[in-house]
Amino acid sequence: RFEAVLLGWAIGMDADQYDIWHSSK
């Protein structure tokens, strides 16, 4: 229920960001 959000991500040490960008998630 939003149009745009201003947020932040704390990312892991490993480069894999599958959970954020993959279309299945």
mmCIF file of all heavy atoms, coordinates in Angstrom:
data_MODEL
# 
_entry.id   MODEL 
# 
loop_
_atom_site.group_PDB 
_atom_site.id 
_atom_site.type_symbol 
_atom_site.label_atom_id 
_atom_site.label_alt_id 
_atom_site.label_comp_id 
_atom_site.label_asym_id 
_atom_site.label_entity_id 
_atom_site.label_seq_id 
_atom_site.pdbx_PDB_ins_code 
_atom_site.Cartn_x 
_atom_site.Cartn_y 
_atom_site.Cartn_z 
_atom_site.occupancy 
_atom_site.B_iso_or_equiv 
_atom_site.pdbx_formal_charge 
_atom_site.auth_seq_id 
_atom_site.auth_comp_id 
_atom_site.auth_asym_id 
_atom_site.auth_atom_id 
_atom_site.pdbx_PDB_model_num 
ATOM 1   N N   . ARG A 1 1  ? 0.847  -1.198  0.000   1.00 0.00 ? 1  ARG A N   1 
ATOM 2   C CA  . ARG A 1 1  ? 0.000  0.000   0.000   1.00 0.00 ? 1  ARG A CA  1 
ATOM 3   C C   . ARG A 1 1  ? 0.881  1.247   0.000   1.00 0.00 ? 1  ARG A C   1 
ATOM 4   O O   . ARG A 1 1  ? 0.912  2.005   0.961   1.00 0.00 ? 1  ARG A O   1 
ATOM 5   C CB  . ARG A 1 1  ? -0.924 -0.015  1.213   1.00 0.00 ? 1  ARG A CB  1 
ATOM 6   C CG  . ARG A 1 1  ? -1.967 -1.120  1.214   1.00 0.00 ? 1  ARG A CG  1 
ATOM 7   C CD  . ARG A 1 1  ? -2.684 -1.200  2.558   1.00 0.00 ? 1  ARG A CD  1 
ATOM 8   N NE  . ARG A 1 1  ? -3.220 0.107   2.960   1.00 0.00 ? 1  ARG A NE  1 
ATOM 9   C CZ  . ARG A 1 1  ? -3.427 0.445   4.222   1.00 0.00 ? 1  ARG A CZ  1 
ATOM 10  N NH1 . ARG A 1 1  ? -3.118 -0.391  5.206   1.00 0.00 ? 1  ARG A NH1 1 
ATOM 11  N NH2 . ARG A 1 1  ? -3.915 1.642   4.513   1.00 0.00 ? 1  ARG A NH2 1 
ATOM 12  N N   . PHE A 1 2  ? 1.624  1.435   -1.061  1.00 0.00 ? 2  PHE A N   1 
ATOM 13  C CA  . PHE A 1 2  ? 2.483  2.613   -1.150  1.00 0.00 ? 2  PHE A CA  1 
ATOM 14  C C   . PHE A 1 2  ? 2.718  2.954   -2.615  1.00 0.00 ? 2  PHE A C   1 
ATOM 15  O O   . PHE A 1 2  ? 2.545  2.115   -3.508  1.00 0.00 ? 2  PHE A O   1 
ATOM 16  C CB  . PHE A 1 2  ? 3.827  2.361   -0.443  1.00 0.00 ? 2  PHE A CB  1 
ATOM 17  C CG  . PHE A 1 2  ? 4.684  1.306   -1.115  1.00 0.00 ? 2  PHE A CG  1 
ATOM 18  C CD1 . PHE A 1 2  ? 5.604  1.656   -2.087  1.00 0.00 ? 2  PHE A CD1 1 
ATOM 19  C CD2 . PHE A 1 2  ? 4.573  -0.031  -0.763  1.00 0.00 ? 2  PHE A CD2 1 
ATOM 20  C CE1 . PHE A 1 2  ? 6.393  0.698   -2.717  1.00 0.00 ? 2  PHE A CE1 1 
ATOM 21  C CE2 . PHE A 1 2  ? 5.353  -0.999  -1.382  1.00 0.00 ? 2  PHE A CE2 1 
ATOM 22  C CZ  . PHE A 1 2  ? 6.257  -0.628  -2.359  1.00 0.00 ? 2  PHE A CZ  1 
ATOM 23  N N   . GLU A 1 3  ? 3.106  4.187   -2.844  1.00 0.00 ? 3  GLU A N   1 
ATOM 24  C CA  . GLU A 1 3  ? 3.499  4.635   -4.180  1.00 0.00 ? 3  GLU A CA  1 
ATOM 25  C C   . GLU A 1 3  ? 5.019  4.710   -4.279  1.00 0.00 ? 3  GLU A C   1 
ATOM 26  O O   . GLU A 1 3  ? 5.612  4.243   -5.243  1.00 0.00 ? 3  GLU A O   1 
ATOM 27  C CB  . GLU A 1 3  ? 2.857  5.988   -4.476  1.00 0.00 ? 3  GLU A CB  1 
ATOM 28  C CG  . GLU A 1 3  ? 1.339  5.911   -4.549  1.00 0.00 ? 3  GLU A CG  1 
ATOM 29  C CD  . GLU A 1 3  ? 0.649  7.267   -4.505  1.00 0.00 ? 3  GLU A CD  1 
ATOM 30  O OE1 . GLU A 1 3  ? 1.212  8.212   -3.895  1.00 0.00 ? 3  GLU A OE1 1 
ATOM 31  O OE2 . GLU A 1 3  ? -0.447 7.386   -5.079  1.00 0.00 ? 3  GLU A OE2 1 
ATOM 32  N N   . ALA A 1 4  ? 5.644  5.322   -3.282  1.00 0.00 ? 4  ALA A N   1 
ATOM 33  C CA  . ALA A 1 4  ? 7.104  5.374   -3.213  1.00 0.00 ? 4  ALA A CA  1 
ATOM 34  C C   . ALA A 1 4  ? 7.501  5.336   -1.746  1.00 0.00 ? 4  ALA A C   1 
ATOM 35  O O   . ALA A 1 4  ? 6.752  5.778   -0.871  1.00 0.00 ? 4  ALA A O   1 
ATOM 36  C CB  . ALA A 1 4  ? 7.645  6.639   -3.879  1.00 0.00 ? 4  ALA A CB  1 
ATOM 37  N N   . VAL A 1 5  ? 8.685  4.799   -1.469  1.00 0.00 ? 5  VAL A N   1 
ATOM 38  C CA  . VAL A 1 5  ? 9.184  4.717   -0.098  1.00 0.00 ? 5  VAL A CA  1 
ATOM 39  C C   . VAL A 1 5  ? 10.616 5.234   -0.055  1.00 0.00 ? 5  VAL A C   1 
ATOM 40  O O   . VAL A 1 5  ? 11.382 5.087   -1.018  1.00 0.00 ? 5  VAL A O   1 
ATOM 41  C CB  . VAL A 1 5  ? 9.150  3.271   0.452   1.00 0.00 ? 5  VAL A CB  1 
ATOM 42  C CG1 . VAL A 1 5  ? 7.722  2.787   0.612   1.00 0.00 ? 5  VAL A CG1 1 
ATOM 43  C CG2 . VAL A 1 5  ? 9.946  2.318   -0.429  1.00 0.00 ? 5  VAL A CG2 1 
ATOM 44  N N   . LEU A 1 6  ? 10.968 5.840   1.054   1.00 0.00 ? 6  LEU A N   1 
ATOM 45  C CA  . LEU A 1 6  ? 12.354 6.227   1.287   1.00 0.00 ? 6  LEU A CA  1 
ATOM 46  C C   . LEU A 1 6  ? 12.834 5.395   2.471   1.00 0.00 ? 6  LEU A C   1 
ATOM 47  O O   . LEU A 1 6  ? 12.402 5.600   3.598   1.00 0.00 ? 6  LEU A O   1 
ATOM 48  C CB  . LEU A 1 6  ? 12.479 7.721   1.577   1.00 0.00 ? 6  LEU A CB  1 
ATOM 49  C CG  . LEU A 1 6  ? 13.864 8.318   1.276   1.00 0.00 ? 6  LEU A CG  1 
ATOM 50  C CD1 . LEU A 1 6  ? 13.751 9.785   0.912   1.00 0.00 ? 6  LEU A CD1 1 
ATOM 51  C CD2 . LEU A 1 6  ? 14.835 8.129   2.432   1.00 0.00 ? 6  LEU A CD2 1 
ATOM 52  N N   . LEU A 1 7  ? 13.714 4.433   2.165   1.00 0.00 ? 7  LEU A N   1 
ATOM 53  C CA  . LEU A 1 7  ? 14.141 3.444   3.143   1.00 0.00 ? 7  LEU A CA  1 
ATOM 54  C C   . LEU A 1 7  ? 15.627 3.156   2.982   1.00 0.00 ? 7  LEU A C   1 
ATOM 55  O O   . LEU A 1 7  ? 16.299 3.725   2.121   1.00 0.00 ? 7  LEU A O   1 
ATOM 56  C CB  . LEU A 1 7  ? 13.341 2.145   2.969   1.00 0.00 ? 7  LEU A CB  1 
ATOM 57  C CG  . LEU A 1 7  ? 11.945 2.084   3.586   1.00 0.00 ? 7  LEU A CG  1 
ATOM 58  C CD1 . LEU A 1 7  ? 11.238 0.814   3.149   1.00 0.00 ? 7  LEU A CD1 1 
ATOM 59  C CD2 . LEU A 1 7  ? 12.031 2.150   5.099   1.00 0.00 ? 7  LEU A CD2 1 
ATOM 60  N N   . GLY A 1 8  ? 16.126 2.247   3.790   1.00 0.00 ? 8  GLY A N   1 
ATOM 61  C CA  . GLY A 1 8  ? 17.513 1.819   3.674   1.00 0.00 ? 8  GLY A CA  1 
ATOM 62  C C   . GLY A 1 8  ? 17.617 0.319   3.800   1.00 0.00 ? 8  GLY A C   1 
ATOM 63  O O   . GLY A 1 8  ? 16.777 -0.330  4.424   1.00 0.00 ? 8  GLY A O   1 
ATOM 64  N N   . TRP A 1 9  ? 18.639 -0.239  3.172   1.00 0.00 ? 9  TRP A N   1 
ATOM 65  C CA  . TRP A 1 9  ? 18.957 -1.656  3.327   1.00 0.00 ? 9  TRP A CA  1 
ATOM 66  C C   . TRP A 1 9  ? 20.280 -1.796  4.064   1.00 0.00 ? 9  TRP A C   1 
ATOM 67  O O   . TRP A 1 9  ? 21.270 -1.145  3.704   1.00 0.00 ? 9  TRP A O   1 
ATOM 68  C CB  . TRP A 1 9  ? 19.102 -2.355  1.972   1.00 0.00 ? 9  TRP A CB  1 
ATOM 69  C CG  . TRP A 1 9  ? 17.833 -2.763  1.298   1.00 0.00 ? 9  TRP A CG  1 
ATOM 70  C CD1 . TRP A 1 9  ? 17.374 -2.347  0.081   1.00 0.00 ? 9  TRP A CD1 1 
ATOM 71  C CD2 . TRP A 1 9  ? 16.863 -3.702  1.784   1.00 0.00 ? 9  TRP A CD2 1 
ATOM 72  N NE1 . TRP A 1 9  ? 16.176 -2.938  -0.215  1.00 0.00 ? 9  TRP A NE1 1 
ATOM 73  C CE2 . TRP A 1 9  ? 15.839 -3.789  0.820   1.00 0.00 ? 9  TRP A CE2 1 
ATOM 74  C CE3 . TRP A 1 9  ? 16.762 -4.467  2.950   1.00 0.00 ? 9  TRP A CE3 1 
ATOM 75  C CZ2 . TRP A 1 9  ? 14.734 -4.609  0.974   1.00 0.00 ? 9  TRP A CZ2 1 
ATOM 76  C CZ3 . TRP A 1 9  ? 15.651 -5.285  3.099   1.00 0.00 ? 9  TRP A CZ3 1 
ATOM 77  C CH2 . TRP A 1 9  ? 14.653 -5.354  2.119   1.00 0.00 ? 9  TRP A CH2 1 
ATOM 78  N N   . ALA A 1 10 ? 20.316 -2.646  5.071   1.00 0.00 ? 10 ALA A N   1 
ATOM 79  C CA  . ALA A 1 10 ? 21.580 -3.129  5.622   1.00 0.00 ? 10 ALA A CA  1 
ATOM 80  C C   . ALA A 1 10 ? 21.874 -4.430  4.896   1.00 0.00 ? 10 ALA A C   1 
ATOM 81  O O   . ALA A 1 10 ? 21.099 -5.388  4.988   1.00 0.00 ? 10 ALA A O   1 
ATOM 82  C CB  . ALA A 1 10 ? 21.451 -3.362  7.126   1.00 0.00 ? 10 ALA A CB  1 
ATOM 83  N N   . ILE A 1 11 ? 22.952 -4.459  4.129   1.00 0.00 ? 11 ILE A N   1 
ATOM 84  C CA  . ILE A 1 11 ? 23.232 -5.614  3.273   1.00 0.00 ? 11 ILE A CA  1 
ATOM 85  C C   . ILE A 1 11 ? 24.280 -6.511  3.925   1.00 0.00 ? 11 ILE A C   1 
ATOM 86  O O   . ILE A 1 11 ? 25.068 -6.073  4.762   1.00 0.00 ? 11 ILE A O   1 
ATOM 87  C CB  . ILE A 1 11 ? 23.697 -5.176  1.871   1.00 0.00 ? 11 ILE A CB  1 
ATOM 88  C CG1 . ILE A 1 11 ? 24.900 -4.244  1.950   1.00 0.00 ? 11 ILE A CG1 1 
ATOM 89  C CG2 . ILE A 1 11 ? 22.554 -4.503  1.135   1.00 0.00 ? 11 ILE A CG2 1 
ATOM 90  C CD1 . ILE A 1 11 ? 25.432 -3.819  0.596   1.00 0.00 ? 11 ILE A CD1 1 
ATOM 91  N N   . GLY A 1 12 ? 24.283 -7.773  3.541   1.00 0.00 ? 12 GLY A N   1 
ATOM 92  C CA  . GLY A 1 12 ? 25.211 -8.733  4.114   1.00 0.00 ? 12 GLY A CA  1 
ATOM 93  C C   . GLY A 1 12 ? 26.618 -8.582  3.566   1.00 0.00 ? 12 GLY A C   1 
ATOM 94  O O   . GLY A 1 12 ? 26.881 -7.825  2.629   1.00 0.00 ? 12 GLY A O   1 
ATOM 95  N N   . MET A 1 13 ? 27.532 -9.324  4.165   1.00 0.00 ? 13 MET A N   1 
ATOM 96  C CA  . MET A 1 13 ? 28.929 -9.290  3.724   1.00 0.00 ? 13 MET A CA  1 
ATOM 97  C C   . MET A 1 13 ? 29.092 -9.933  2.352   1.00 0.00 ? 13 MET A C   1 
ATOM 98  O O   . MET A 1 13 ? 29.957 -9.552  1.576   1.00 0.00 ? 13 MET A O   1 
ATOM 99  C CB  . MET A 1 13 ? 29.815 -10.020 4.735   1.00 0.00 ? 13 MET A CB  1 
ATOM 100 C CG  . MET A 1 13 ? 29.773 -9.424  6.129   1.00 0.00 ? 13 MET A CG  1 
ATOM 101 S SD  . MET A 1 13 ? 30.638 -7.861  6.237   1.00 0.00 ? 13 MET A SD  1 
ATOM 102 C CE  . MET A 1 13 ? 30.507 -7.545  7.989   1.00 0.00 ? 13 MET A CE  1 
ATOM 103 N N   . ASP A 1 14 ? 28.262 -10.941 2.062   1.00 0.00 ? 14 ASP A N   1 
ATOM 104 C CA  . ASP A 1 14 ? 28.340 -11.587 0.756   1.00 0.00 ? 14 ASP A CA  1 
ATOM 105 C C   . ASP A 1 14 ? 27.577 -10.760 -0.272  1.00 0.00 ? 14 ASP A C   1 
ATOM 106 O O   . ASP A 1 14 ? 26.641 -10.017 0.066   1.00 0.00 ? 14 ASP A O   1 
ATOM 107 C CB  . ASP A 1 14 ? 27.769 -13.000 0.817   1.00 0.00 ? 14 ASP A CB  1 
ATOM 108 C CG  . ASP A 1 14 ? 28.045 -13.787 -0.451  1.00 0.00 ? 14 ASP A CG  1 
ATOM 109 O OD1 . ASP A 1 14 ? 29.144 -14.362 -0.564  1.00 0.00 ? 14 ASP A OD1 1 
ATOM 110 O OD2 . ASP A 1 14 ? 27.165 -13.802 -1.348  1.00 0.00 ? 14 ASP A OD2 1 
ATOM 111 N N   . ALA A 1 15 ? 27.975 -10.890 -1.535  1.00 0.00 ? 15 ALA A N   1 
ATOM 112 C CA  . ALA A 1 15 ? 27.407 -10.052 -2.595  1.00 0.00 ? 15 ALA A CA  1 
ATOM 113 C C   . ALA A 1 15 ? 26.016 -10.490 -3.060  1.00 0.00 ? 15 ALA A C   1 
ATOM 114 O O   . ALA A 1 15 ? 25.327 -9.734  -3.737  1.00 0.00 ? 15 ALA A O   1 
ATOM 115 C CB  . ALA A 1 15 ? 28.352 -10.036 -3.803  1.00 0.00 ? 15 ALA A CB  1 
ATOM 116 N N   . ASP A 1 16 ? 25.596 -11.687 -2.701  1.00 0.00 ? 16 ASP A N   1 
ATOM 117 C CA  . ASP A 1 16 ? 24.328 -12.211 -3.191  1.00 0.00 ? 16 ASP A CA  1 
ATOM 118 C C   . ASP A 1 16 ? 23.156 -11.392 -2.651  1.00 0.00 ? 16 ASP A C   1 
ATOM 119 O O   . ASP A 1 16 ? 22.986 -11.264 -1.443  1.00 0.00 ? 16 ASP A O   1 
ATOM 120 C CB  . ASP A 1 16 ? 24.192 -13.675 -2.765  1.00 0.00 ? 16 ASP A CB  1 
ATOM 121 C CG  . ASP A 1 16 ? 22.925 -14.322 -3.293  1.00 0.00 ? 16 ASP A CG  1 
ATOM 122 O OD1 . ASP A 1 16 ? 22.392 -13.834 -4.304  1.00 0.00 ? 16 ASP A OD1 1 
ATOM 123 O OD2 . ASP A 1 16 ? 22.469 -15.311 -2.689  1.00 0.00 ? 16 ASP A OD2 1 
ATOM 124 N N   . GLN A 1 17 ? 22.344 -10.824 -3.561  1.00 0.00 ? 17 GLN A N   1 
ATOM 125 C CA  . GLN A 1 17 ? 21.140 -10.084 -3.161  1.00 0.00 ? 17 GLN A CA  1 
ATOM 126 C C   . GLN A 1 17 ? 19.894 -10.646 -3.853  1.00 0.00 ? 17 GLN A C   1 
ATOM 127 O O   . GLN A 1 17 ? 18.987 -9.919  -4.244  1.00 0.00 ? 17 GLN A O   1 
ATOM 128 C CB  . GLN A 1 17 ? 21.315 -8.593  -3.469  1.00 0.00 ? 17 GLN A CB  1 
ATOM 129 C CG  . GLN A 1 17 ? 22.379 -7.933  -2.613  1.00 0.00 ? 17 GLN A CG  1 
ATOM 130 C CD  . GLN A 1 17 ? 22.364 -6.418  -2.719  1.00 0.00 ? 17 GLN A CD  1 
ATOM 131 O OE1 . GLN A 1 17 ? 21.391 -5.811  -3.120  1.00 0.00 ? 17 GLN A OE1 1 
ATOM 132 N NE2 . GLN A 1 17 ? 23.478 -5.814  -2.365  1.00 0.00 ? 17 GLN A NE2 1 
ATOM 133 N N   . TYR A 1 18 ? 19.873 -11.952 -3.964  1.00 0.00 ? 18 TYR A N   1 
ATOM 134 C CA  . TYR A 1 18 ? 18.764 -12.658 -4.598  1.00 0.00 ? 18 TYR A CA  1 
ATOM 135 C C   . TYR A 1 18 ? 17.424 -12.279 -3.964  1.00 0.00 ? 18 TYR A C   1 
ATOM 136 O O   . TYR A 1 18 ? 16.435 -12.042 -4.667  1.00 0.00 ? 18 TYR A O   1 
ATOM 137 C CB  . TYR A 1 18 ? 19.021 -14.159 -4.448  1.00 0.00 ? 18 TYR A CB  1 
ATOM 138 C CG  . TYR A 1 18 ? 18.077 -15.070 -5.195  1.00 0.00 ? 18 TYR A CG  1 
ATOM 139 C CD1 . TYR A 1 18 ? 18.445 -15.589 -6.444  1.00 0.00 ? 18 TYR A CD1 1 
ATOM 140 C CD2 . TYR A 1 18 ? 16.851 -15.448 -4.661  1.00 0.00 ? 18 TYR A CD2 1 
ATOM 141 C CE1 . TYR A 1 18 ? 17.596 -16.460 -7.125  1.00 0.00 ? 18 TYR A CE1 1 
ATOM 142 C CE2 . TYR A 1 18 ? 16.007 -16.307 -5.338  1.00 0.00 ? 18 TYR A CE2 1 
ATOM 143 C CZ  . TYR A 1 18 ? 16.377 -16.802 -6.569  1.00 0.00 ? 18 TYR A CZ  1 
ATOM 144 O OH  . TYR A 1 18 ? 15.542 -17.655 -7.252  1.00 0.00 ? 18 TYR A OH  1 
ATOM 145 N N   . ASP A 1 19 ? 17.394 -12.198 -2.634  1.00 0.00 ? 19 ASP A N   1 
ATOM 146 C CA  . ASP A 1 19 ? 16.124 -11.969 -1.938  1.00 0.00 ? 19 ASP A CA  1 
ATOM 147 C C   . ASP A 1 19 ? 15.540 -10.589 -2.200  1.00 0.00 ? 19 ASP A C   1 
ATOM 148 O O   . ASP A 1 19 ? 14.340 -10.382 -2.031  1.00 0.00 ? 19 ASP A O   1 
ATOM 149 C CB  . ASP A 1 19 ? 16.323 -12.149 -0.431  1.00 0.00 ? 19 ASP A CB  1 
ATOM 150 C CG  . ASP A 1 19 ? 16.541 -13.605 -0.046  1.00 0.00 ? 19 ASP A CG  1 
ATOM 151 O OD1 . ASP A 1 19 ? 16.072 -14.486 -0.788  1.00 0.00 ? 19 ASP A OD1 1 
ATOM 152 O OD2 . ASP A 1 19 ? 17.192 -13.858 0.981   1.00 0.00 ? 19 ASP A OD2 1 
ATOM 153 N N   . ILE A 1 20 ? 16.376 -9.627  -2.594  1.00 0.00 ? 20 ILE A N   1 
ATOM 154 C CA  . ILE A 1 20 ? 15.891 -8.269  -2.838  1.00 0.00 ? 20 ILE A CA  1 
ATOM 155 C C   . ILE A 1 20 ? 15.451 -8.072  -4.285  1.00 0.00 ? 20 ILE A C   1 
ATOM 156 O O   . ILE A 1 20 ? 14.458 -7.392  -4.554  1.00 0.00 ? 20 ILE A O   1 
ATOM 157 C CB  . ILE A 1 20 ? 16.972 -7.233  -2.476  1.00 0.00 ? 20 ILE A CB  1 
ATOM 158 C CG1 . ILE A 1 20 ? 17.300 -7.310  -0.982  1.00 0.00 ? 20 ILE A CG1 1 
ATOM 159 C CG2 . ILE A 1 20 ? 16.537 -5.815  -2.849  1.00 0.00 ? 20 ILE A CG2 1 
ATOM 160 C CD1 . ILE A 1 20 ? 18.448 -6.410  -0.555  1.00 0.00 ? 20 ILE A CD1 1 
ATOM 161 N N   . TRP A 1 21 ? 16.164 -8.706  -5.237  1.00 0.00 ? 21 TRP A N   1 
ATOM 162 C CA  . TRP A 1 21 ? 15.960 -8.347  -6.642  1.00 0.00 ? 21 TRP A CA  1 
ATOM 163 C C   . TRP A 1 21 ? 15.334 -9.435  -7.511  1.00 0.00 ? 21 TRP A C   1 
ATOM 164 O O   . TRP A 1 21 ? 14.851 -9.145  -8.602  1.00 0.00 ? 21 TRP A O   1 
ATOM 165 C CB  . TRP A 1 21 ? 17.308 -7.941  -7.261  1.00 0.00 ? 21 TRP A CB  1 
ATOM 166 C CG  . TRP A 1 21 ? 17.884 -6.732  -6.594  1.00 0.00 ? 21 TRP A CG  1 
ATOM 167 C CD1 . TRP A 1 21 ? 18.978 -6.666  -5.787  1.00 0.00 ? 21 TRP A CD1 1 
ATOM 168 C CD2 . TRP A 1 21 ? 17.365 -5.396  -6.647  1.00 0.00 ? 21 TRP A CD2 1 
ATOM 169 N NE1 . TRP A 1 21 ? 19.189 -5.384  -5.332  1.00 0.00 ? 21 TRP A NE1 1 
ATOM 170 C CE2 . TRP A 1 21 ? 18.208 -4.584  -5.849  1.00 0.00 ? 21 TRP A CE2 1 
ATOM 171 C CE3 . TRP A 1 21 ? 16.274 -4.807  -7.287  1.00 0.00 ? 21 TRP A CE3 1 
ATOM 172 C CZ2 . TRP A 1 21 ? 17.991 -3.212  -5.682  1.00 0.00 ? 21 TRP A CZ2 1 
ATOM 173 C CZ3 . TRP A 1 21 ? 16.048 -3.447  -7.109  1.00 0.00 ? 21 TRP A CZ3 1 
ATOM 174 C CH2 . TRP A 1 21 ? 16.897 -2.668  -6.326  1.00 0.00 ? 21 TRP A CH2 1 
ATOM 175 N N   . HIS A 1 22 ? 15.301 -10.688 -7.064  1.00 0.00 ? 22 HIS A N   1 
ATOM 176 C CA  . HIS A 1 22 ? 14.762 -11.737 -7.931  1.00 0.00 ? 22 HIS A CA  1 
ATOM 177 C C   . HIS A 1 22 ? 13.239 -11.616 -8.039  1.00 0.00 ? 22 HIS A C   1 
ATOM 178 O O   . HIS A 1 22 ? 12.549 -11.329 -7.055  1.00 0.00 ? 22 HIS A O   1 
ATOM 179 C CB  . HIS A 1 22 ? 15.143 -13.115 -7.400  1.00 0.00 ? 22 HIS A CB  1 
ATOM 180 C CG  . HIS A 1 22 ? 15.007 -14.198 -8.429  1.00 0.00 ? 22 HIS A CG  1 
ATOM 181 N ND1 . HIS A 1 22 ? 13.812 -14.823 -8.686  1.00 0.00 ? 22 HIS A ND1 1 
ATOM 182 C CD2 . HIS A 1 22 ? 15.921 -14.726 -9.288  1.00 0.00 ? 22 HIS A CD2 1 
ATOM 183 C CE1 . HIS A 1 22 ? 13.985 -15.724 -9.653  1.00 0.00 ? 22 HIS A CE1 1 
ATOM 184 N NE2 . HIS A 1 22 ? 15.256 -15.684 -10.044 1.00 0.00 ? 22 HIS A NE2 1 
ATOM 185 N N   . SER A 1 23 ? 12.727 -11.846 -9.232  1.00 0.00 ? 23 SER A N   1 
ATOM 186 C CA  . SER A 1 23 ? 11.295 -11.644 -9.489  1.00 0.00 ? 23 SER A CA  1 
ATOM 187 C C   . SER A 1 23 ? 10.401 -12.624 -8.736  1.00 0.00 ? 23 SER A C   1 
ATOM 188 O O   . SER A 1 23 ? 9.186  -12.406 -8.639  1.00 0.00 ? 23 SER A O   1 
ATOM 189 C CB  . SER A 1 23 ? 11.018 -11.758 -10.993 1.00 0.00 ? 23 SER A CB  1 
ATOM 190 O OG  . SER A 1 23 ? 11.331 -13.064 -11.462 1.00 0.00 ? 23 SER A OG  1 
ATOM 191 N N   . SER A 1 24 ? 10.983 -13.695 -8.193  1.00 0.00 ? 24 SER A N   1 
ATOM 192 C CA  . SER A 1 24 ? 10.180 -14.669 -7.440  1.00 0.00 ? 24 SER A CA  1 
ATOM 193 C C   . SER A 1 24 ? 9.976  -14.257 -5.989  1.00 0.00 ? 24 SER A C   1 
ATOM 194 O O   . SER A 1 24 ? 9.201  -14.894 -5.266  1.00 0.00 ? 24 SER A O   1 
ATOM 195 C CB  . SER A 1 24 ? 10.859 -16.043 -7.473  1.00 0.00 ? 24 SER A CB  1 
ATOM 196 O OG  . SER A 1 24 ? 12.094 -16.012 -6.758  1.00 0.00 ? 24 SER A OG  1 
ATOM 197 N N   . LYS A 1 25 ? 10.637 -13.192 -5.536  1.00 0.00 ? 25 LYS A N   1 
ATOM 198 C CA  . LYS A 1 25 ? 10.640 -12.845 -4.107  1.00 0.00 ? 25 LYS A CA  1 
ATOM 199 C C   . LYS A 1 25 ? 9.723  -11.656 -3.815  1.00 0.00 ? 25 LYS A C   1 
ATOM 200 O O   . LYS A 1 25 ? 10.091 -10.709 -3.113  1.00 0.00 ? 25 LYS A O   1 
ATOM 201 C CB  . LYS A 1 25 ? 12.066 -12.549 -3.640  1.00 0.00 ? 25 LYS A CB  1 
ATOM 202 C CG  . LYS A 1 25 ? 13.085 -13.588 -4.038  1.00 0.00 ? 25 LYS A CG  1 
ATOM 203 C CD  . LYS A 1 25 ? 12.718 -14.988 -3.564  1.00 0.00 ? 25 LYS A CD  1 
ATOM 204 C CE  . LYS A 1 25 ? 12.831 -15.147 -2.074  1.00 0.00 ? 25 LYS A CE  1 
ATOM 205 N NZ  . LYS A 1 25 ? 12.562 -16.544 -1.652  1.00 0.00 ? 25 LYS A NZ  1 
# 
